[in-house]
mmCIF file of all heavy atoms, coordinates in Angstrom:
data_MODEL
# 
_entry.id   MODEL 
# 
loop_
_atom_site.group_PDB 
_atom_site.id 
_atom_site.type_symbol 
_atom_site.label_atom_id 
_atom_site.label_alt_id 
_atom_site.label_comp_id 
_atom_site.label_asym_id 
_atom_site.label_entity_id 
_atom_site.label_seq_id 
_atom_site.pdbx_PDB_ins_code 
_atom_site.Cartn_x 
_atom_site.Cartn_y 
_atom_site.Cartn_z 
_atom_site.occupancy 
_atom_site.B_iso_or_equiv 
_atom_site.pdbx_formal_charge 
_atom_site.auth_seq_id 
_atom_site.auth_comp_id 
_atom_site.auth_asym_id 
_atom_site.auth_atom_id 
_atom_site.pdbx_PDB_model_num 
ATOM 1   N N   . GLU A 1 1  ? 56.445 106.423 -88.892  1.00 0.00 ? 1  GLU A N   1 
ATOM 2   C CA  . GLU A 1 1  ? 55.277 105.554 -88.782  1.00 0.00 ? 1  GLU A CA  1 
ATOM 3   C C   . GLU A 1 1  ? 55.709 104.288 -88.076  1.00 0.00 ? 1  GLU A C   1 
ATOM 4   O O   . GLU A 1 1  ? 56.855 103.858 -88.207  1.00 0.00 ? 1  GLU A O   1 
ATOM 5   C CB  . GLU A 1 1  ? 54.744 105.196 -90.169  1.00 0.00 ? 1  GLU A CB  1 
ATOM 6   C CG  . GLU A 1 1  ? 54.184 106.365 -90.943  1.00 0.00 ? 1  GLU A CG  1 
ATOM 7   C CD  . GLU A 1 1  ? 53.731 105.962 -92.340  1.00 0.00 ? 1  GLU A CD  1 
ATOM 8   O OE1 . GLU A 1 1  ? 53.497 104.760 -92.567  1.00 0.00 ? 1  GLU A OE1 1 
ATOM 9   O OE2 . GLU A 1 1  ? 53.636 106.846 -93.188  1.00 0.00 ? 1  GLU A OE2 1 
ATOM 10  N N   . GLY A 1 2  ? 54.808 103.688 -87.338  1.00 0.00 ? 2  GLY A N   1 
ATOM 11  C CA  . GLY A 1 2  ? 55.124 102.440 -86.655  1.00 0.00 ? 2  GLY A CA  1 
ATOM 12  C C   . GLY A 1 2  ? 54.184 102.195 -85.503  1.00 0.00 ? 2  GLY A C   1 
ATOM 13  O O   . GLY A 1 2  ? 53.200 102.906 -85.321  1.00 0.00 ? 2  GLY A O   1 
ATOM 14  N N   . VAL A 1 3  ? 54.516 101.206 -84.695  1.00 0.00 ? 3  VAL A N   1 
ATOM 15  C CA  . VAL A 1 3  ? 53.683 100.806 -83.569  1.00 0.00 ? 3  VAL A CA  1 
ATOM 16  C C   . VAL A 1 3  ? 54.404 101.031 -82.248  1.00 0.00 ? 3  VAL A C   1 
ATOM 17  O O   . VAL A 1 3  ? 53.844 101.602 -81.319  1.00 0.00 ? 3  VAL A O   1 
ATOM 18  C CB  . VAL A 1 3  ? 53.281 99.309  -83.694  1.00 0.00 ? 3  VAL A CB  1 
ATOM 19  C CG1 . VAL A 1 3  ? 52.502 98.848  -82.466  1.00 0.00 ? 3  VAL A CG1 1 
ATOM 20  C CG2 . VAL A 1 3  ? 52.471 99.085  -84.967  1.00 0.00 ? 3  VAL A CG2 1 
ATOM 21  N N   . ASN A 1 4  ? 55.655 100.631 -82.169  1.00 0.00 ? 4  ASN A N   1 
ATOM 22  C CA  . ASN A 1 4  ? 56.422 100.682 -80.937  1.00 0.00 ? 4  ASN A CA  1 
ATOM 23  C C   . ASN A 1 4  ? 57.102 102.041 -80.782  1.00 0.00 ? 4  ASN A C   1 
ATOM 24  O O   . ASN A 1 4  ? 57.885 102.454 -81.632  1.00 0.00 ? 4  ASN A O   1 
ATOM 25  C CB  . ASN A 1 4  ? 57.460 99.550  -80.954  1.00 0.00 ? 4  ASN A CB  1 
ATOM 26  C CG  . ASN A 1 4  ? 58.274 99.490  -79.697  1.00 0.00 ? 4  ASN A CG  1 
ATOM 27  O OD1 . ASN A 1 4  ? 59.150 100.325 -79.481  1.00 0.00 ? 4  ASN A OD1 1 
ATOM 28  N ND2 . ASN A 1 4  ? 58.002 98.498  -78.862  1.00 0.00 ? 4  ASN A ND2 1 
ATOM 29  N N   . ASP A 1 5  ? 56.824 102.765 -79.684  1.00 0.00 ? 5  ASP A N   1 
ATOM 30  C CA  . ASP A 1 5  ? 57.372 104.109 -79.482  1.00 0.00 ? 5  ASP A CA  1 
ATOM 31  C C   . ASP A 1 5  ? 58.899 104.124 -79.422  1.00 0.00 ? 5  ASP A C   1 
ATOM 32  O O   . ASP A 1 5  ? 59.537 105.040 -79.934  1.00 0.00 ? 5  ASP A O   1 
ATOM 33  C CB  . ASP A 1 5  ? 56.807 104.728 -78.201  1.00 0.00 ? 5  ASP A CB  1 
ATOM 34  C CG  . ASP A 1 5  ? 55.378 105.221 -78.351  1.00 0.00 ? 5  ASP A CG  1 
ATOM 35  O OD1 . ASP A 1 5  ? 54.882 105.276 -79.504  1.00 0.00 ? 5  ASP A OD1 1 
ATOM 36  O OD2 . ASP A 1 5  ? 54.753 105.555 -77.333  1.00 0.00 ? 5  ASP A OD2 1 
ATOM 37  N N   . HIS A 1 6  ? 59.493 103.105 -78.796  1.00 0.00 ? 6  HIS A N   1 
ATOM 38  C CA  . HIS A 1 6  ? 60.956 103.025 -78.746  1.00 0.00 ? 6  HIS A CA  1 
ATOM 39  C C   . HIS A 1 6  ? 61.525 102.952 -80.163  1.00 0.00 ? 6  HIS A C   1 
ATOM 40  O O   . HIS A 1 6  ? 62.459 103.683 -80.513  1.00 0.00 ? 6  HIS A O   1 
ATOM 41  C CB  . HIS A 1 6  ? 61.380 101.797 -77.930  1.00 0.00 ? 6  HIS A CB  1 
ATOM 42  C CG  . HIS A 1 6  ? 62.859 101.652 -77.751  1.00 0.00 ? 6  HIS A CG  1 
ATOM 43  N ND1 . HIS A 1 6  ? 63.433 101.414 -76.531  1.00 0.00 ? 6  HIS A ND1 1 
ATOM 44  C CD2 . HIS A 1 6  ? 63.893 101.690 -78.631  1.00 0.00 ? 6  HIS A CD2 1 
ATOM 45  C CE1 . HIS A 1 6  ? 64.746 101.326 -76.670  1.00 0.00 ? 6  HIS A CE1 1 
ATOM 46  N NE2 . HIS A 1 6  ? 65.048 101.480 -77.939  1.00 0.00 ? 6  HIS A NE2 1 
ATOM 47  N N   . HIS A 1 7  ? 60.974 102.084 -80.971  1.00 0.00 ? 7  HIS A N   1 
ATOM 48  C CA  . HIS A 1 7  ? 61.451 101.928 -82.351  1.00 0.00 ? 7  HIS A CA  1 
ATOM 49  C C   . HIS A 1 7  ? 61.243 103.207 -83.157  1.00 0.00 ? 7  HIS A C   1 
ATOM 50  O O   . HIS A 1 7  ? 62.113 103.596 -83.946  1.00 0.00 ? 7  HIS A O   1 
ATOM 51  C CB  . HIS A 1 7  ? 60.727 100.769 -83.041  1.00 0.00 ? 7  HIS A CB  1 
ATOM 52  C CG  . HIS A 1 7  ? 61.017 99.444  -82.434  1.00 0.00 ? 7  HIS A CG  1 
ATOM 53  N ND1 . HIS A 1 7  ? 60.209 98.355  -82.651  1.00 0.00 ? 7  HIS A ND1 1 
ATOM 54  C CD2 . HIS A 1 7  ? 62.015 99.014  -81.615  1.00 0.00 ? 7  HIS A CD2 1 
ATOM 55  C CE1 . HIS A 1 7  ? 60.701 97.305  -82.000  1.00 0.00 ? 7  HIS A CE1 1 
ATOM 56  N NE2 . HIS A 1 7  ? 61.788 97.690  -81.357  1.00 0.00 ? 7  HIS A NE2 1 
ATOM 57  N N   . LYS A 1 8  ? 60.100 103.865 -82.968  1.00 0.00 ? 8  LYS A N   1 
ATOM 58  C CA  . LYS A 1 8  ? 59.819 105.094 -83.711  1.00 0.00 ? 8  LYS A CA  1 
ATOM 59  C C   . LYS A 1 8  ? 60.811 106.199 -83.336  1.00 0.00 ? 8  LYS A C   1 
ATOM 60  O O   . LYS A 1 8  ? 61.344 106.885 -84.210  1.00 0.00 ? 8  LYS A O   1 
ATOM 61  C CB  . LYS A 1 8  ? 58.375 105.553 -83.481  1.00 0.00 ? 8  LYS A CB  1 
ATOM 62  C CG  . LYS A 1 8  ? 57.349 104.630 -84.133  1.00 0.00 ? 8  LYS A CG  1 
ATOM 63  C CD  . LYS A 1 8  ? 55.955 105.219 -84.142  1.00 0.00 ? 8  LYS A CD  1 
ATOM 64  C CE  . LYS A 1 8  ? 55.329 105.282 -82.780  1.00 0.00 ? 8  LYS A CE  1 
ATOM 65  N NZ  . LYS A 1 8  ? 53.910 105.704 -82.817  1.00 0.00 ? 8  LYS A NZ  1 
ATOM 66  N N   . ALA A 1 9  ? 61.056 106.365 -82.033  1.00 0.00 ? 9  ALA A N   1 
ATOM 67  C CA  . ALA A 1 9  ? 62.002 107.392 -81.585  1.00 0.00 ? 9  ALA A CA  1 
ATOM 68  C C   . ALA A 1 9  ? 63.404 107.085 -82.097  1.00 0.00 ? 9  ALA A C   1 
ATOM 69  O O   . ALA A 1 9  ? 64.099 107.973 -82.612  1.00 0.00 ? 9  ALA A O   1 
ATOM 70  C CB  . ALA A 1 9  ? 61.992 107.488 -80.063  1.00 0.00 ? 9  ALA A CB  1 
ATOM 71  N N   . GLU A 1 10 ? 63.818 105.846 -81.980  1.00 0.00 ? 10 GLU A N   1 
ATOM 72  C CA  . GLU A 1 10 ? 65.170 105.484 -82.415  1.00 0.00 ? 10 GLU A CA  1 
ATOM 73  C C   . GLU A 1 10 ? 65.321 105.642 -83.927  1.00 0.00 ? 10 GLU A C   1 
ATOM 74  O O   . GLU A 1 10 ? 66.354 106.114 -84.414  1.00 0.00 ? 10 GLU A O   1 
ATOM 75  C CB  . GLU A 1 10 ? 65.515 104.065 -81.973  1.00 0.00 ? 10 GLU A CB  1 
ATOM 76  C CG  . GLU A 1 10 ? 66.976 103.755 -82.115  1.00 0.00 ? 10 GLU A CG  1 
ATOM 77  C CD  . GLU A 1 10 ? 67.434 102.560 -81.291  1.00 0.00 ? 10 GLU A CD  1 
ATOM 78  O OE1 . GLU A 1 10 ? 66.730 102.137 -80.355  1.00 0.00 ? 10 GLU A OE1 1 
ATOM 79  O OE2 . GLU A 1 10 ? 68.527 102.059 -81.611  1.00 0.00 ? 10 GLU A OE2 1 
ATOM 80  N N   . ALA A 1 11 ? 64.297 105.280 -84.665  1.00 0.00 ? 11 ALA A N   1 
ATOM 81  C CA  . ALA A 1 11 ? 64.348 105.436 -86.130  1.00 0.00 ? 11 ALA A CA  1 
ATOM 82  C C   . ALA A 1 11 ? 64.472 106.901 -86.519  1.00 0.00 ? 11 ALA A C   1 
ATOM 83  O O   . ALA A 1 11 ? 65.233 107.244 -87.437  1.00 0.00 ? 11 ALA A O   1 
ATOM 84  C CB  . ALA A 1 11 ? 63.112 104.801 -86.773  1.00 0.00 ? 11 ALA A CB  1 
ATOM 85  N N   . ILE A 1 12 ? 63.769 107.804 -85.830  1.00 0.00 ? 12 ILE A N   1 
ATOM 86  C CA  . ILE A 1 12 ? 63.834 109.230 -86.184  1.00 0.00 ? 12 ILE A CA  1 
ATOM 87  C C   . ILE A 1 12 ? 65.202 109.812 -85.842  1.00 0.00 ? 12 ILE A C   1 
ATOM 88  O O   . ILE A 1 12 ? 65.760 110.607 -86.606  1.00 0.00 ? 12 ILE A O   1 
ATOM 89  C CB  . ILE A 1 12 ? 62.666 110.045 -85.563  1.00 0.00 ? 12 ILE A CB  1 
ATOM 90  C CG1 . ILE A 1 12 ? 62.432 111.340 -86.353  1.00 0.00 ? 12 ILE A CG1 1 
ATOM 91  C CG2 . ILE A 1 12 ? 62.882 110.385 -84.115  1.00 0.00 ? 12 ILE A CG2 1 
ATOM 92  C CD1 . ILE A 1 12 ? 61.723 111.178 -87.652  1.00 0.00 ? 12 ILE A CD1 1 
ATOM 93  N N   . PHE A 1 13 ? 65.797 109.406 -84.734  1.00 0.00 ? 13 PHE A N   1 
ATOM 94  C CA  . PHE A 1 13 ? 67.143 109.889 -84.396  1.00 0.00 ? 13 PHE A CA  1 
ATOM 95  C C   . PHE A 1 13 ? 68.183 109.336 -85.376  1.00 0.00 ? 13 PHE A C   1 
ATOM 96  O O   . PHE A 1 13 ? 69.116 110.045 -85.761  1.00 0.00 ? 13 PHE A O   1 
ATOM 97  C CB  . PHE A 1 13 ? 67.512 109.530 -82.955  1.00 0.00 ? 13 PHE A CB  1 
ATOM 98  C CG  . PHE A 1 13 ? 67.066 110.568 -81.955  1.00 0.00 ? 13 PHE A CG  1 
ATOM 99  C CD1 . PHE A 1 13 ? 65.793 110.532 -81.406  1.00 0.00 ? 13 PHE A CD1 1 
ATOM 100 C CD2 . PHE A 1 13 ? 67.926 111.582 -81.562  1.00 0.00 ? 13 PHE A CD2 1 
ATOM 101 C CE1 . PHE A 1 13 ? 65.387 111.487 -80.482  1.00 0.00 ? 13 PHE A CE1 1 
ATOM 102 C CE2 . PHE A 1 13 ? 67.529 112.551 -80.637  1.00 0.00 ? 13 PHE A CE2 1 
ATOM 103 C CZ  . PHE A 1 13 ? 66.253 112.499 -80.100  1.00 0.00 ? 13 PHE A CZ  1 
ATOM 104 N N   . LYS A 1 14 ? 68.014 108.078 -85.801  1.00 0.00 ? 14 LYS A N   1 
ATOM 105 C CA  . LYS A 1 14 ? 68.954 107.501 -86.775  1.00 0.00 ? 14 LYS A CA  1 
ATOM 106 C C   . LYS A 1 14 ? 68.795 108.166 -88.136  1.00 0.00 ? 14 LYS A C   1 
ATOM 107 O O   . LYS A 1 14 ? 69.791 108.435 -88.824  1.00 0.00 ? 14 LYS A O   1 
ATOM 108 C CB  . LYS A 1 14 ? 68.736 105.991 -86.889  1.00 0.00 ? 14 LYS A CB  1 
ATOM 109 C CG  . LYS A 1 14 ? 69.256 105.220 -85.693  1.00 0.00 ? 14 LYS A CG  1 
ATOM 110 C CD  . LYS A 1 14 ? 68.968 103.732 -85.840  1.00 0.00 ? 14 LYS A CD  1 
ATOM 111 C CE  . LYS A 1 14 ? 69.524 102.956 -84.654  1.00 0.00 ? 14 LYS A CE  1 
ATOM 112 N NZ  . LYS A 1 14 ? 69.159 101.515 -84.715  1.00 0.00 ? 14 LYS A NZ  1 
ATOM 113 N N   . ALA A 1 15 ? 67.568 108.443 -88.549  1.00 0.00 ? 15 ALA A N   1 
ATOM 114 C CA  . ALA A 1 15 ? 67.342 109.116 -89.835  1.00 0.00 ? 15 ALA A CA  1 
ATOM 115 C C   . ALA A 1 15 ? 67.908 110.538 -89.790  1.00 0.00 ? 15 ALA A C   1 
ATOM 116 O O   . ALA A 1 15 ? 68.492 111.023 -90.769  1.00 0.00 ? 15 ALA A O   1 
ATOM 117 C CB  . ALA A 1 15 ? 65.858 109.129 -90.179  1.00 0.00 ? 15 ALA A CB  1 
ATOM 118 N N   . PHE A 1 16 ? 67.762 111.206 -88.654  1.00 0.00 ? 16 PHE A N   1 
ATOM 119 C CA  . PHE A 1 16 ? 68.358 112.530 -88.456  1.00 0.00 ? 16 PHE A CA  1 
ATOM 120 C C   . PHE A 1 16 ? 69.876 112.437 -88.598  1.00 0.00 ? 16 PHE A C   1 
ATOM 121 O O   . PHE A 1 16 ? 70.513 113.234 -89.297  1.00 0.00 ? 16 PHE A O   1 
ATOM 122 C CB  . PHE A 1 16 ? 67.951 113.048 -87.081  1.00 0.00 ? 16 PHE A CB  1 
ATOM 123 C CG  . PHE A 1 16 ? 68.602 114.335 -86.659  1.00 0.00 ? 16 PHE A CG  1 
ATOM 124 C CD1 . PHE A 1 16 ? 68.517 115.482 -87.435  1.00 0.00 ? 16 PHE A CD1 1 
ATOM 125 C CD2 . PHE A 1 16 ? 69.290 114.407 -85.454  1.00 0.00 ? 16 PHE A CD2 1 
ATOM 126 C CE1 . PHE A 1 16 ? 69.105 116.674 -87.027  1.00 0.00 ? 16 PHE A CE1 1 
ATOM 127 C CE2 . PHE A 1 16 ? 69.881 115.594 -85.038  1.00 0.00 ? 16 PHE A CE2 1 
ATOM 128 C CZ  . PHE A 1 16 ? 69.796 116.729 -85.835  1.00 0.00 ? 16 PHE A CZ  1 
ATOM 129 N N   . ALA A 1 17 ? 70.471 111.438 -87.960  1.00 0.00 ? 17 ALA A N   1 
ATOM 130 C CA  . ALA A 1 17 ? 71.925 111.238 -88.022  1.00 0.00 ? 17 ALA A CA  1 
ATOM 131 C C   . ALA A 1 17 ? 72.390 111.001 -89.454  1.00 0.00 ? 17 ALA A C   1 
ATOM 132 O O   . ALA A 1 17 ? 73.352 111.633 -89.923  1.00 0.00 ? 17 ALA A O   1 
ATOM 133 C CB  . ALA A 1 17 ? 72.317 110.048 -87.142  1.00 0.00 ? 17 ALA A CB  1 
ATOM 134 N N   . LYS A 1 18 ? 71.727 110.096 -90.146  1.00 0.00 ? 18 LYS A N   1 
ATOM 135 C CA  . LYS A 1 18 ? 72.138 109.747 -91.515  1.00 0.00 ? 18 LYS A CA  1 
ATOM 136 C C   . LYS A 1 18 ? 71.986 110.926 -92.473  1.00 0.00 ? 18 LYS A C   1 
ATOM 137 O O   . LYS A 1 18 ? 72.841 111.140 -93.341  1.00 0.00 ? 18 LYS A O   1 
ATOM 138 C CB  . LYS A 1 18 ? 71.325 108.551 -92.029  1.00 0.00 ? 18 LYS A CB  1 
ATOM 139 C CG  . LYS A 1 18 ? 71.615 107.249 -91.340  1.00 0.00 ? 18 LYS A CG  1 
ATOM 140 C CD  . LYS A 1 18 ? 72.988 106.737 -91.701  1.00 0.00 ? 18 LYS A CD  1 
ATOM 141 C CE  . LYS A 1 18 ? 73.204 105.315 -91.227  1.00 0.00 ? 18 LYS A CE  1 
ATOM 142 N NZ  . LYS A 1 18 ? 74.584 104.873 -91.474  1.00 0.00 ? 18 LYS A NZ  1 
ATOM 143 N N   . SER A 1 19 ? 70.903 111.690 -92.342  1.00 0.00 ? 19 SER A N   1 
ATOM 144 C CA  . SER A 1 19 ? 70.702 112.829 -93.243  1.00 0.00 ? 19 SER A CA  1 
ATOM 145 C C   . SER A 1 19 ? 71.701 113.941 -92.943  1.00 0.00 ? 19 SER A C   1 
ATOM 146 O O   . SER A 1 19 ? 72.240 114.574 -93.855  1.00 0.00 ? 19 SER A O   1 
ATOM 147 C CB  . SER A 1 19 ? 69.261 113.339 -93.178  1.00 0.00 ? 19 SER A CB  1 
ATOM 148 O OG  . SER A 1 19 ? 68.916 113.722 -91.866  1.00 0.00 ? 19 SER A OG  1 
ATOM 149 N N   . LEU A 1 20 ? 71.996 114.177 -91.669  1.00 0.00 ? 20 LEU A N   1 
ATOM 150 C CA  . LEU A 1 20 ? 72.962 115.216 -91.310  1.00 0.00 ? 20 LEU A CA  1 
ATOM 151 C C   . LEU A 1 20 ? 74.366 114.819 -91.765  1.00 0.00 ? 20 LEU A C   1 
ATOM 152 O O   . LEU A 1 20 ? 75.124 115.655 -92.279  1.00 0.00 ? 20 LEU A O   1 
ATOM 153 C CB  . LEU A 1 20 ? 72.929 115.468 -89.804  1.00 0.00 ? 20 LEU A CB  1 
ATOM 154 C CG  . LEU A 1 20 ? 73.547 116.787 -89.330  1.00 0.00 ? 20 LEU A CG  1 
ATOM 155 C CD1 . LEU A 1 20 ? 72.816 117.991 -89.943  1.00 0.00 ? 20 LEU A CD1 1 
ATOM 156 C CD2 . LEU A 1 20 ? 73.510 116.878 -87.814  1.00 0.00 ? 20 LEU A CD2 1 
ATOM 157 N N   . LYS A 1 21 ? 74.710 113.548 -91.592  1.00 0.00 ? 21 LYS A N   1 
ATOM 158 C CA  . LYS A 1 21 ? 76.015 113.041 -92.049  1.00 0.00 ? 21 LYS A CA  1 
ATOM 159 C C   . LYS A 1 21 ? 76.218 113.344 -93.532  1.00 0.00 ? 21 LYS A C   1 
ATOM 160 O O   . LYS A 1 21 ? 77.294 113.775 -93.959  1.00 0.00 ? 21 LYS A O   1 
ATOM 161 C CB  . LYS A 1 21 ? 76.094 111.533 -91.794  1.00 0.00 ? 21 LYS A CB  1 
ATOM 162 C CG  . LYS A 1 21 ? 77.359 110.879 -92.314  1.00 0.00 ? 21 LYS A CG  1 
ATOM 163 C CD  . LYS A 1 21 ? 77.319 109.374 -92.115  1.00 0.00 ? 21 LYS A CD  1 
ATOM 164 C CE  . LYS A 1 21 ? 78.538 108.717 -92.709  1.00 0.00 ? 21 LYS A CE  1 
ATOM 165 N NZ  . LYS A 1 21 ? 78.476 107.253 -92.585  1.00 0.00 ? 21 LYS A NZ  1 
ATOM 166 N N   . GLU A 1 22 ? 75.188 113.120 -94.313  1.00 0.00 ? 22 GLU A N   1 
ATOM 167 C CA  . GLU A 1 22 ? 75.264 113.351 -95.759  1.00 0.00 ? 22 GLU A CA  1 
ATOM 168 C C   . GLU A 1 22 ? 75.316 114.845 -96.085  1.00 0.00 ? 22 GLU A C   1 
ATOM 169 O O   . GLU A 1 22 ? 76.076 115.276 -96.957  1.00 0.00 ? 22 GLU A O   1 
ATOM 170 C CB  . GLU A 1 22 ? 74.061 112.695 -96.440  1.00 0.00 ? 22 GLU A CB  1 
ATOM 171 C CG  . GLU A 1 22 ? 74.136 112.628 -97.935  1.00 0.00 ? 22 GLU A CG  1 
ATOM 172 C CD  . GLU A 1 22 ? 75.247 111.716 -98.458  1.00 0.00 ? 22 GLU A CD  1 
ATOM 173 O OE1 . GLU A 1 22 ? 75.713 110.814 -97.736  1.00 0.00 ? 22 GLU A OE1 1 
ATOM 174 O OE2 . GLU A 1 22 ? 75.666 111.933 -99.615  1.00 0.00 ? 22 GLU A OE2 1 
ATOM 175 N N   . ALA A 1 23 ? 74.512 115.650 -95.378  1.00 0.00 ? 23 ALA A N   1 
ATOM 176 C CA  . ALA A 1 23 ? 74.429 117.087 -95.671  1.00 0.00 ? 23 ALA A CA  1 
ATOM 177 C C   . ALA A 1 23 ? 75.714 117.840 -95.341  1.00 0.00 ? 23 ALA A C   1 
ATOM 178 O O   . ALA A 1 23 ? 76.005 118.867 -95.960  1.00 0.00 ? 23 ALA A O   1 
ATOM 179 C CB  . ALA A 1 23 ? 73.247 117.708 -94.913  1.00 0.00 ? 23 ALA A CB  1 
ATOM 180 N N   . ILE A 1 24 ? 76.502 117.347 -94.365  1.00 0.00 ? 24 ILE A N   1 
ATOM 181 C CA  . ILE A 1 24 ? 77.728 118.051 -93.980  1.00 0.00 ? 24 ILE A CA  1 
ATOM 182 C C   . ILE A 1 24 ? 78.943 117.626 -94.801  1.00 0.00 ? 24 ILE A C   1 
ATOM 183 O O   . ILE A 1 24 ? 80.025 118.196 -94.642  1.00 0.00 ? 24 ILE A O   1 
ATOM 184 C CB  . ILE A 1 24 ? 78.046 117.891 -92.472  1.00 0.00 ? 24 ILE A CB  1 
ATOM 185 C CG1 . ILE A 1 24 ? 78.359 116.443 -92.108  1.00 0.00 ? 24 ILE A CG1 1 
ATOM 186 C CG2 . ILE A 1 24 ? 76.913 118.458 -91.626  1.00 0.00 ? 24 ILE A CG2 1 
ATOM 187 C CD1 . ILE A 1 24 ? 78.814 116.235 -90.656  1.00 0.00 ? 24 ILE A CD1 1 
ATOM 188 N N   . LYS A 1 25 ? 78.766 116.657 -95.705  1.00 0.00 ? 25 LYS A N   1 
ATOM 189 C CA  . LYS A 1 25 ? 79.888 116.221 -96.546  1.00 0.00 ? 25 LYS A CA  1 
ATOM 190 C C   . LYS A 1 25 ? 80.417 117.385 -97.370  1.00 0.00 ? 25 LYS A C   1 
ATOM 191 O O   . LYS A 1 25 ? 79.647 118.157 -97.939  1.00 0.00 ? 25 LYS A O   1 
ATOM 192 C CB  . LYS A 1 25 ? 79.456 115.102 -97.498  1.00 0.00 ? 25 LYS A CB  1 
ATOM 193 C CG  . LYS A 1 25 ? 79.391 113.755 -96.873  1.00 0.00 ? 25 LYS A CG  1 
ATOM 194 C CD  . LYS A 1 25 ? 79.092 112.709 -97.925  1.00 0.00 ? 25 LYS A CD  1 
ATOM 195 C CE  . LYS A 1 25 ? 79.018 111.329 -97.304  1.00 0.00 ? 25 LYS A CE  1 
ATOM 196 N NZ  . LYS A 1 25 ? 78.607 110.321 -98.281  1.00 0.00 ? 25 LYS A NZ  1 
ATOM 197 N N   . VAL A 1 26 ? 81.726 117.489 -97.447  1.00 0.00 ? 26 VAL A N   1 
ATOM 198 C CA  . VAL A 1 26 ? 82.357 118.515 -98.273  1.00 0.00 ? 26 VAL A CA  1 
ATOM 199 C C   . VAL A 1 26 ? 82.535 117.940 -99.671  1.00 0.00 ? 26 VAL A C   1 
ATOM 200 O O   . VAL A 1 26 ? 83.205 116.925 -99.863  1.00 0.00 ? 26 VAL A O   1 
ATOM 201 C CB  . VAL A 1 26 ? 83.710 118.960 -97.672  1.00 0.00 ? 26 VAL A CB  1 
ATOM 202 C CG1 . VAL A 1 26 ? 84.393 119.960 -98.579  1.00 0.00 ? 26 VAL A CG1 1 
ATOM 203 C CG2 . VAL A 1 26 ? 83.505 119.549 -96.278  1.00 0.00 ? 26 VAL A CG2 1 
ATOM 204 N N   . GLU A 1 27 ? 81.907 118.602 -100.655 1.00 0.00 ? 27 GLU A N   1 
ATOM 205 C CA  . GLU A 1 27 ? 81.897 118.100 -102.040 1.00 0.00 ? 27 GLU A CA  1 
ATOM 206 C C   . GLU A 1 27 ? 82.673 118.985 -103.006 1.00 0.00 ? 27 GLU A C   1 
ATOM 207 O O   . GLU A 1 27 ? 83.037 118.543 -104.080 1.00 0.00 ? 27 GLU A O   1 
ATOM 208 C CB  . GLU A 1 27 ? 80.458 118.030 -102.562 1.00 0.00 ? 27 GLU A CB  1 
ATOM 209 C CG  . GLU A 1 27 ? 79.565 117.081 -101.841 1.00 0.00 ? 27 GLU A CG  1 
ATOM 210 C CD  . GLU A 1 27 ? 78.210 116.956 -102.521 1.00 0.00 ? 27 GLU A CD  1 
ATOM 211 O OE1 . GLU A 1 27 ? 77.622 117.981 -102.921 1.00 0.00 ? 27 GLU A OE1 1 
ATOM 212 O OE2 . GLU A 1 27 ? 77.750 115.815 -102.653 1.00 0.00 ? 27 GLU A OE2 1 
# 
C-alpha cells in the first residue's frame, strides 16, 4: 500500500528479501 510507485516497488522487494532471508535460515 502507498502512494509513490518507486517506494511501493522498493518496499515489496525489501520485504521479499527480508522474508526469504528468514525462511532460508538453518535451524
